[in-house]
C-alpha atoms as a PDB file:
ATOM      1  CA  UNK A   1      78.727 133.589 335.591  1.00  0.00           C
ATOM      2  CA  UNK A   2      76.234 136.381 335.820  1.00  0.00           C
ATOM      3  CA  UNK A   3      72.477 136.564 335.776  1.00  0.00           C
ATOM      4  CA  UNK A   4      71.664 139.851 334.079  1.00  0.00           C
ATOM      5  CA  UNK A   5      68.212 141.319 334.465  1.00  0.00           C
ATOM      6  CA  UNK A   6      68.290 144.525 332.445  1.00  0.00           C
ATOM      7  CA  UNK A   7      65.474 147.056 332.542  1.00  0.00           C
ATOM      8  CA  UNK A   8      65.844 149.796 329.931  1.00  0.00           C
ATOM      9  CA  UNK A   9      64.089 153.146 329.746  1.00  0.00           C
ATOM     10  CA  UNK A  10      64.374 154.091 333.418  1.00  0.00           C
ATOM     11  CA  UNK A  11      66.710 156.401 335.262  1.00  0.00           C
ATOM     12  CA  UNK A  12      66.111 154.620 338.568  1.00  0.00           C
ATOM     13  CA  UNK A  13      67.512 151.212 337.731  1.00  0.00           C
ATOM     14  CA  UNK A  14      66.563 149.251 340.825  1.00  0.00           C
ATOM     15  CA  UNK A  15      67.599 145.665 340.196  1.00  0.00           C
ATOM     16  CA  UNK A  16      69.116 146.413 336.793  1.00  0.00           C
ATOM     17  CA  UNK A  17      72.162 144.227 337.276  1.00  0.00           C
ATOM     18  CA  UNK A  18      72.638 141.288 339.547  1.00  0.00           C
ATOM     19  CA  UNK A  19      75.863 139.358 339.170  1.00  0.00           C
ATOM     20  CA  UNK A  20      76.701 136.056 340.814  1.00  0.00           C
ATOM     21  CA  UNK A  21      78.039 137.825 343.901  1.00  0.00           C
ATOM     22  CA  UNK A  22      74.853 139.911 344.189  1.00  0.00           C
ATOM     23  CA  UNK A  23      76.346 143.268 343.182  1.00  0.00           C
ATOM     24  CA  UNK A  24      73.753 145.446 341.456  1.00  0.00           C
ATOM     25  CA  UNK A  25      73.817 148.716 339.589  1.00  0.00           C
ATOM     26  CA  UNK A  26      70.784 150.456 341.065  1.00  0.00           C
ATOM     27  CA  UNK A  27      71.129 153.941 339.560  1.00  0.00           C
ATOM     28  CA  UNK A  28      72.865 155.777 336.767  1.00  0.00           C
ATOM     29  CA  UNK A  29      72.457 159.269 335.339  1.00  0.00           C
ATOM     30  CA  UNK A  30      73.019 158.061 331.762  1.00  0.00           C
ATOM     31  CA  UNK A  31      70.960 155.411 330.083  1.00  0.00           C
ATOM     32  CA  UNK A  32      71.423 154.136 326.559  1.00  0.00           C
ATOM     33  CA  UNK A  33      70.590 150.748 325.109  1.00  0.00           C
ATOM     34  CA  UNK A  34      73.744 150.833 322.930  1.00  0.00           C
ATOM     35  CA  UNK A  35      76.124 151.274 325.890  1.00  0.00           C
ATOM     36  CA  UNK A  36      74.236 150.026 328.984  1.00  0.00           C
ATOM     37  CA  UNK A  37      75.430 150.484 332.540  1.00  0.00           C
ATOM     38  CA  UNK A  38      75.457 146.750 333.208  1.00  0.00           C
ATOM     39  CA  UNK A  39      78.467 146.493 330.871  1.00  0.00           C
ATOM     40  CA  UNK A  40      80.528 147.986 333.717  1.00  0.00           C
ATOM     41  CA  UNK A  41      80.385 144.721 335.626  1.00  0.00           C
ATOM     42  CA  UNK A  42      81.072 142.458 332.652  1.00  0.00           C
ATOM     43  CA  UNK A  43      84.556 140.998 332.140  1.00  0.00           C
ATOM     44  CA  UNK A  44      84.482 141.592 328.362  1.00  0.00           C
ATOM     45  CA  UNK A  45      86.873 144.231 327.058  1.00  0.00           C
ATOM     46  CA  UNK A  46      84.461 144.850 324.170  1.00  0.00           C
ATOM     47  CA  UNK A  47      81.719 146.296 326.354  1.00  0.00           C
ATOM     48  CA  UNK A  48      81.475 149.805 327.730  1.00  0.00           C
ATOM     49  CA  UNK A  49      79.186 152.240 329.482  1.00  0.00           C
ATOM     50  CA  UNK A  50      79.145 155.590 327.705  1.00  0.00           C
ATOM     51  CA  UNK A  51      77.735 158.731 329.297  1.00  0.00           C
ATOM     52  CA  UNK A  52      75.175 160.793 327.438  1.00  0.00           C
ATOM     53  CA  UNK A  53      76.926 164.134 327.978  1.00  0.00           C
ATOM     54  CA  UNK A  54      76.999 166.841 330.662  1.00  0.00           C
ATOM     55  CA  UNK A  55      78.509 166.427 334.103  1.00  0.00           C
ATOM     56  CA  UNK A  56      78.351 165.192 336.793  1.00  0.00           C
ATOM     57  CA  UNK A  57      77.576 161.572 335.903  1.00  0.00           C
ATOM     58  CA  UNK A  58      76.781 158.990 338.598  1.00  0.00           C
ATOM     59  CA  UNK A  59      76.660 155.234 338.976  1.00  0.00           C
ATOM     60  CA  UNK A  60      75.504 153.600 342.224  1.00  0.00           C
ATOM     61  CA  UNK A  61      76.453 150.029 343.096  1.00  0.00           C
ATOM     62  CA  UNK A  62      74.606 148.032 345.760  1.00  0.00           C
ATOM     63  CA  UNK A  63      76.120 145.045 347.560  1.00  0.00           C
ATOM     64  CA  UNK A  64      74.097 142.251 349.155  1.00  0.00           C
ATOM     65  CA  UNK A  65      75.559 143.009 352.599  1.00  0.00           C
ATOM     66  CA  UNK A  66      78.237 145.154 354.241  1.00  0.00           C
ATOM     67  CA  UNK A  67      81.644 144.647 352.637  1.00  0.00           C
ATOM     68  CA  UNK A  68      85.161 145.840 353.393  1.00  0.00           C
ATOM     69  CA  UNK A  69      86.144 147.447 350.095  1.00  0.00           C
ATOM     70  CA  UNK A  70      89.853 146.880 349.441  1.00  0.00           C
ATOM     71  CA  UNK A  71      90.383 148.313 345.947  1.00  0.00           C
ATOM     72  CA  UNK A  72      88.603 149.374 342.789  1.00  0.00           C
ATOM     73  CA  UNK A  73      90.128 148.788 339.347  1.00  0.00           C
ATOM     74  CA  UNK A  74      88.659 151.122 336.724  1.00  0.00           C
ATOM     75  CA  UNK A  75      89.208 150.956 332.974  1.00  0.00           C
ATOM     76  CA  UNK A  76      87.969 154.167 331.356  1.00  0.00           C
ATOM     77  CA  UNK A  77      88.545 156.818 328.722  1.00  0.00           C
ATOM     78  CA  UNK A  78      88.378 160.622 328.912  1.00  0.00           C
ATOM     79  CA  UNK A  79      87.620 160.662 332.664  1.00  0.00           C
ATOM     80  CA  UNK A  80      89.249 163.673 334.323  1.00  0.00           C
ATOM     81  CA  UNK A  81      87.793 163.887 337.847  1.00  0.00           C
ATOM     82  CA  UNK A  82      86.167 160.968 339.668  1.00  0.00           C
ATOM     83  CA  UNK A  83      84.895 160.920 343.256  1.00  0.00           C
ATOM     84  CA  UNK A  84      83.811 157.997 345.410  1.00  0.00           C
ATOM     85  CA  UNK A  85      81.155 158.016 348.131  1.00  0.00           C
ATOM     86  CA  UNK A  86      79.942 155.231 350.374  1.00  0.00           C
ATOM     87  CA  UNK A  87      77.131 154.410 352.742  1.00  0.00           C
ATOM     88  CA  UNK A  88      76.398 151.546 355.114  1.00  0.00           C
ATOM     89  CA  UNK A  89      72.656 152.242 355.083  1.00  0.00           C
ATOM     90  CA  UNK A  90      70.132 149.778 353.651  1.00  0.00           C
ATOM     91  CA  UNK A  91      69.129 152.380 351.057  1.00  0.00           C
ATOM     92  CA  UNK A  92      71.473 154.547 348.964  1.00  0.00           C
ATOM     93  CA  UNK A  93      71.331 157.626 351.202  1.00  0.00           C
ATOM     94  CA  UNK A  94      73.451 159.632 353.672  1.00  0.00           C
ATOM     95  CA  UNK A  95      76.577 159.410 351.553  1.00  0.00           C
ATOM     96  CA  UNK A  96      80.030 159.811 353.077  1.00  0.00           C
ATOM     97  CA  UNK A  97      82.761 161.172 350.777  1.00  0.00           C
ATOM     98  CA  UNK A  98      85.746 158.857 350.362  1.00  0.00           C
ATOM     99  CA  UNK A  99      88.185 160.478 347.942  1.00  0.00           C
ATOM    100  CA  UNK A 100      88.445 162.439 344.689  1.00  0.00           C
ATOM    101  CA  UNK A 101      90.847 161.285 341.990  1.00  0.00           C
ATOM    102  CA  UNK A 102      92.332 163.111 339.000  1.00  0.00           C
ATOM    103  CA  UNK A 103      92.988 160.782 336.054  1.00  0.00           C
ATOM    104  CA  UNK A 104      95.641 161.568 333.457  1.00  0.00           C
ATOM    105  CA  UNK A 105      94.559 162.223 329.886  1.00  0.00           C
ATOM    106  CA  UNK A 106      95.618 159.607 327.347  1.00  0.00           C
ATOM    107  CA  UNK A 107      94.080 159.896 323.890  1.00  0.00           C
ATOM    108  CA  UNK A 108      95.890 156.835 322.559  1.00  0.00           C
ATOM    109  CA  UNK A 109      95.167 154.321 325.341  1.00  0.00           C
ATOM    110  CA  UNK A 110      92.545 153.398 327.891  1.00  0.00           C
ATOM    111  CA  UNK A 111      92.938 154.815 331.388  1.00  0.00           C
ATOM    112  CA  UNK A 112      93.714 152.020 333.850  1.00  0.00           C
ATOM    113  CA  UNK A 113      93.587 152.996 337.503  1.00  0.00           C
ATOM    114  CA  UNK A 114      93.657 150.981 340.717  1.00  0.00           C
ATOM    115  CA  UNK A 115      92.154 152.922 343.616  1.00  0.00           C
ATOM    116  CA  UNK A 116      93.065 151.800 347.136  1.00  0.00           C
ATOM    117  CA  UNK A 117      89.904 151.923 349.260  1.00  0.00           C
ATOM    118  CA  UNK A 118      91.617 151.050 352.578  1.00  0.00           C
ATOM    119  CA  UNK A 119      89.082 148.363 353.586  1.00  0.00           C
ATOM    120  CA  UNK A 120      86.303 150.898 354.130  1.00  0.00           C
ATOM    121  CA  UNK A 121      82.902 149.342 354.855  1.00  0.00           C
ATOM    122  CA  UNK A 122      79.970 149.891 352.515  1.00  0.00           C
ATOM    123  CA  UNK A 123      76.591 148.574 351.402  1.00  0.00           C
ATOM    124  CA  UNK A 124      76.562 150.982 348.443  1.00  0.00           C
ATOM    125  CA  UNK A 125      79.281 152.713 346.429  1.00  0.00           C
ATOM    126  CA  UNK A 126      78.591 155.879 344.428  1.00  0.00           C
ATOM    127  CA  UNK A 127      80.939 156.774 341.578  1.00  0.00           C
ATOM    128  CA  UNK A 128      80.680 160.399 340.458  1.00  0.00           C
ATOM    129  CA  UNK A 129      82.433 161.639 337.339  1.00  0.00           C
ATOM    130  CA  UNK A 130      82.606 165.403 337.830  1.00  0.00           C
ATOM    131  CA  UNK A 131      84.590 166.245 334.690  1.00  0.00           C
ATOM    132  CA  UNK A 132      85.939 164.669 331.542  1.00  0.00           C
ATOM    133  CA  UNK A 133      88.531 165.503 328.914  1.00  0.00           C
ATOM    134  CA  UNK A 134      85.699 165.658 326.372  1.00  0.00           C
ATOM    135  CA  UNK A 135      81.919 165.917 326.256  1.00  0.00           C
ATOM    136  CA  UNK A 136      81.518 162.181 326.819  1.00  0.00           C
ATOM    137  CA  UNK A 137      83.382 159.620 328.902  1.00  0.00           C
ATOM    138  CA  UNK A 138      83.369 155.842 328.809  1.00  0.00           C
ATOM    139  CA  UNK A 139      83.769 153.302 331.565  1.00  0.00           C
ATOM    140  CA  UNK A 140      84.793 149.867 330.312  1.00  0.00           C
ATOM    141  CA  UNK A 141      85.091 147.836 333.482  1.00  0.00           C
ATOM    142  CA  UNK A 142      84.880 148.032 337.273  1.00  0.00           C
ATOM    143  CA  UNK A 143      86.516 145.341 339.382  1.00  0.00           C
ATOM    144  CA  UNK A 144      85.998 145.598 343.128  1.00  0.00           C
ATOM    145  CA  UNK A 145      88.181 143.676 345.530  1.00  0.00           C
ATOM    146  CA  UNK A 146      86.443 143.219 348.873  1.00  0.00           C
ATOM    147  CA  UNK A 147      86.127 141.092 351.991  1.00  0.00           C
ATOM    148  CA  UNK A 148      82.968 140.014 353.715  1.00  0.00           C
ATOM    149  CA  UNK A 149      82.697 141.959 356.986  1.00  0.00           C
ATOM    150  CA  UNK A 150      81.262 138.952 358.819  1.00  0.00           C
ATOM    151  CA  UNK A 151      84.444 136.959 358.081  1.00  0.00           C
ATOM    152  CA  UNK A 152      86.562 139.573 359.869  1.00  0.00           C
ATOM    153  CA  UNK A 153      84.572 139.613 363.127  1.00  0.00           C
END
């Protein structure tokens, strides 16, 4: 169950999404009321986050505390190049690059990719879409597998 607190009309979306586990979308470069960013964290296959054109596009996720990120499942369409960055700072700053991925084009089906994150620690995760196979891309769902750092100490 999720408690969604959506604030439209802003590019800095501090507190836009807060799911049961505390994950928030705190920033996105595209904002549209028809395809909102908070749809990324919803389990429904009918929802999507659509970019408003031009690249790069960014989405920043904030976690309630430091997590070991195990994997990221992404369901998307028309994404060509996607890069991940992380930070362990309290604020989304001083980003460390993780990896850049090239997704295969598939006009007929959704792109389904599982990205191994190798248990890297993070308080924030930045997803950057540098290029698409068209003018617009869509992200349908993000599913992050993680472990609480405090449980591994």
